């Protein structure tokens, strides 16, 4: 098992849901406020999910990166750091963990 897969196995269901949405997104970018219904959190709790993912360092690189403000100016947009793991591989692993 790789380092990233080991870390994914230790994540909370909400973190995995957020990563699932990132992996499914066309460009690997999602807005935290738009993803709130799918994750089941809102406000500071939702921000905590994404900030905890941003603090996950693998080989000195963060798993997700803040990517600016969305059009509605609420929350942040987040981007998957594909230097760490590809969207397709992340989708495979997260689907397996969520099932």
C-alpha atoms as a PDB file:
ATOM      1  CA  UNK A   1       0.000   0.000   0.000  1.00  0.00           C
ATOM      2  CA  UNK A   2       1.387   3.405  -0.970  1.00  0.00           C
ATOM      3  CA  UNK A   3       1.704   6.338   1.433  1.00  0.00           C
ATOM      4  CA  UNK A   4      -1.276   8.123  -0.094  1.00  0.00           C
ATOM      5  CA  UNK A   5      -3.466   5.020   0.092  1.00  0.00           C
ATOM      6  CA  UNK A   6      -2.477   4.508   3.718  1.00  0.00           C
ATOM      7  CA  UNK A   7      -3.494   8.095   4.512  1.00  0.00           C
ATOM      8  CA  UNK A   8      -6.772   7.704   2.622  1.00  0.00           C
ATOM      9  CA  UNK A   9      -7.641   4.608   4.667  1.00  0.00           C
ATOM     10  CA  UNK A  10      -7.320   6.695   7.838  1.00  0.00           C
ATOM     11  CA  UNK A  11      -9.578   9.577   6.728  1.00  0.00           C
ATOM     12  CA  UNK A  12     -13.079  10.332   7.974  1.00  0.00           C
ATOM     13  CA  UNK A  13     -16.150   9.622   5.829  1.00  0.00           C
ATOM     14  CA  UNK A  14     -16.642  13.373   5.294  1.00  0.00           C
ATOM     15  CA  UNK A  15     -13.074  13.795   4.067  1.00  0.00           C
ATOM     16  CA  UNK A  16     -13.565  10.857   1.710  1.00  0.00           C
ATOM     17  CA  UNK A  17     -16.810  12.387   0.395  1.00  0.00           C
ATOM     18  CA  UNK A  18     -14.978  15.649  -0.324  1.00  0.00           C
ATOM     19  CA  UNK A  19     -12.199  13.781  -2.129  1.00  0.00           C
ATOM     20  CA  UNK A  20     -14.793  11.796  -4.072  1.00  0.00           C
ATOM     21  CA  UNK A  21     -16.349  15.050  -5.298  1.00  0.00           C
ATOM     22  CA  UNK A  22     -12.905  16.385  -6.244  1.00  0.00           C
ATOM     23  CA  UNK A  23     -12.082  13.195  -8.136  1.00  0.00           C
ATOM     24  CA  UNK A  24     -15.417  13.291  -9.999  1.00  0.00           C
ATOM     25  CA  UNK A  25     -15.139  16.957 -10.965  1.00  0.00           C
ATOM     26  CA  UNK A  26     -14.092  17.706 -14.510  1.00  0.00           C
ATOM     27  CA  UNK A  27     -11.054  19.817 -13.627  1.00  0.00           C
ATOM     28  CA  UNK A  28     -10.363  18.490 -10.132  1.00  0.00           C
ATOM     29  CA  UNK A  29     -11.718  21.744  -8.639  1.00  0.00           C
ATOM     30  CA  UNK A  30     -14.802  22.143  -6.435  1.00  0.00           C
ATOM     31  CA  UNK A  31     -16.333  24.909  -4.346  1.00  0.00           C
ATOM     32  CA  UNK A  32     -16.730  24.129  -0.674  1.00  0.00           C
ATOM     33  CA  UNK A  33     -20.090  25.924  -0.434  1.00  0.00           C
ATOM     34  CA  UNK A  34     -21.530  24.113  -3.483  1.00  0.00           C
ATOM     35  CA  UNK A  35     -20.397  20.724  -2.177  1.00  0.00           C
ATOM     36  CA  UNK A  36     -21.965  21.176   1.288  1.00  0.00           C
ATOM     37  CA  UNK A  37     -25.164  19.172   0.572  1.00  0.00           C
ATOM     38  CA  UNK A  38     -23.234  16.136  -0.718  1.00  0.00           C
ATOM     39  CA  UNK A  39     -20.779  16.178   2.195  1.00  0.00           C
ATOM     40  CA  UNK A  40     -23.415  16.830   4.844  1.00  0.00           C
ATOM     41  CA  UNK A  41     -21.611  19.693   6.584  1.00  0.00           C
ATOM     42  CA  UNK A  42     -21.877  23.467   6.378  1.00  0.00           C
ATOM     43  CA  UNK A  43     -20.180  26.540   7.726  1.00  0.00           C
ATOM     44  CA  UNK A  44     -17.096  26.080   9.859  1.00  0.00           C
ATOM     45  CA  UNK A  45     -17.486  22.298   9.971  1.00  0.00           C
ATOM     46  CA  UNK A  46     -17.290  22.193   6.169  1.00  0.00           C
ATOM     47  CA  UNK A  47     -14.238  24.452   6.214  1.00  0.00           C
ATOM     48  CA  UNK A  48     -12.671  22.089   8.726  1.00  0.00           C
ATOM     49  CA  UNK A  49     -13.070  19.160   6.350  1.00  0.00           C
ATOM     50  CA  UNK A  50     -11.264  20.964   3.534  1.00  0.00           C
ATOM     51  CA  UNK A  51      -8.590  22.572   5.700  1.00  0.00           C
ATOM     52  CA  UNK A  52      -7.760  19.170   7.204  1.00  0.00           C
ATOM     53  CA  UNK A  53      -7.320  17.825   3.668  1.00  0.00           C
ATOM     54  CA  UNK A  54      -5.051  20.759   2.815  1.00  0.00           C
ATOM     55  CA  UNK A  55      -2.899  19.911   5.860  1.00  0.00           C
ATOM     56  CA  UNK A  56      -2.386  16.330   4.646  1.00  0.00           C
ATOM     57  CA  UNK A  57       1.207  16.390   3.398  1.00  0.00           C
ATOM     58  CA  UNK A  58       2.502  13.546   1.285  1.00  0.00           C
ATOM     59  CA  UNK A  59       6.164  13.796   0.295  1.00  0.00           C
ATOM     60  CA  UNK A  60       6.117  17.481   1.245  1.00  0.00           C
ATOM     61  CA  UNK A  61       3.105  18.303  -0.949  1.00  0.00           C
ATOM     62  CA  UNK A  62      -0.439  19.124   0.246  1.00  0.00           C
ATOM     63  CA  UNK A  63      -3.200  16.775  -0.938  1.00  0.00           C
ATOM     64  CA  UNK A  64      -5.545  19.648  -1.860  1.00  0.00           C
ATOM     65  CA  UNK A  65      -4.808  23.279  -2.609  1.00  0.00           C
ATOM     66  CA  UNK A  66      -6.942  26.382  -2.005  1.00  0.00           C
ATOM     67  CA  UNK A  67      -7.861  27.663  -5.466  1.00  0.00           C
ATOM     68  CA  UNK A  68      -9.478  31.058  -4.911  1.00  0.00           C
ATOM     69  CA  UNK A  69     -13.011  32.223  -4.266  1.00  0.00           C
ATOM     70  CA  UNK A  70     -16.052  30.917  -6.137  1.00  0.00           C
ATOM     71  CA  UNK A  71     -18.366  33.233  -8.061  1.00  0.00           C
ATOM     72  CA  UNK A  72     -20.787  33.571  -5.118  1.00  0.00           C
ATOM     73  CA  UNK A  73     -17.866  34.665  -2.872  1.00  0.00           C
ATOM     74  CA  UNK A  74     -18.804  32.115  -0.178  1.00  0.00           C
ATOM     75  CA  UNK A  75     -16.163  29.674   0.988  1.00  0.00           C
ATOM     76  CA  UNK A  76     -13.212  28.654  -1.172  1.00  0.00           C
ATOM     77  CA  UNK A  77     -12.573  26.594  -4.264  1.00  0.00           C
ATOM     78  CA  UNK A  78     -10.285  23.609  -3.749  1.00  0.00           C
ATOM     79  CA  UNK A  79      -8.094  21.787  -6.253  1.00  0.00           C
ATOM     80  CA  UNK A  80      -6.744  18.259  -6.075  1.00  0.00           C
ATOM     81  CA  UNK A  81      -2.941  18.216  -6.166  1.00  0.00           C
ATOM     82  CA  UNK A  82      -2.439  15.725  -8.999  1.00  0.00           C
ATOM     83  CA  UNK A  83       1.303  15.554  -8.273  1.00  0.00           C
ATOM     84  CA  UNK A  84       0.237  13.337  -5.364  1.00  0.00           C
ATOM     85  CA  UNK A  85      -2.466  11.167  -6.974  1.00  0.00           C
ATOM     86  CA  UNK A  86      -4.393  11.232 -10.243  1.00  0.00           C
ATOM     87  CA  UNK A  87      -8.131  11.853 -10.271  1.00  0.00           C
ATOM     88  CA  UNK A  88      -8.818   8.409 -11.696  1.00  0.00           C
ATOM     89  CA  UNK A  89      -6.756   6.588  -9.047  1.00  0.00           C
ATOM     90  CA  UNK A  90      -8.268   8.693  -6.266  1.00  0.00           C
ATOM     91  CA  UNK A  91     -11.757   7.880  -7.543  1.00  0.00           C
ATOM     92  CA  UNK A  92     -10.987   4.139  -7.489  1.00  0.00           C
ATOM     93  CA  UNK A  93      -9.628   4.170  -3.940  1.00  0.00           C
ATOM     94  CA  UNK A  94     -12.301   6.452  -2.489  1.00  0.00           C
ATOM     95  CA  UNK A  95     -15.149   4.470  -4.108  1.00  0.00           C
ATOM     96  CA  UNK A  96     -13.768   1.328  -2.515  1.00  0.00           C
ATOM     97  CA  UNK A  97     -13.477   2.990   0.907  1.00  0.00           C
ATOM     98  CA  UNK A  98     -16.969   4.515   0.811  1.00  0.00           C
ATOM     99  CA  UNK A  99     -18.701   1.286  -0.202  1.00  0.00           C
END
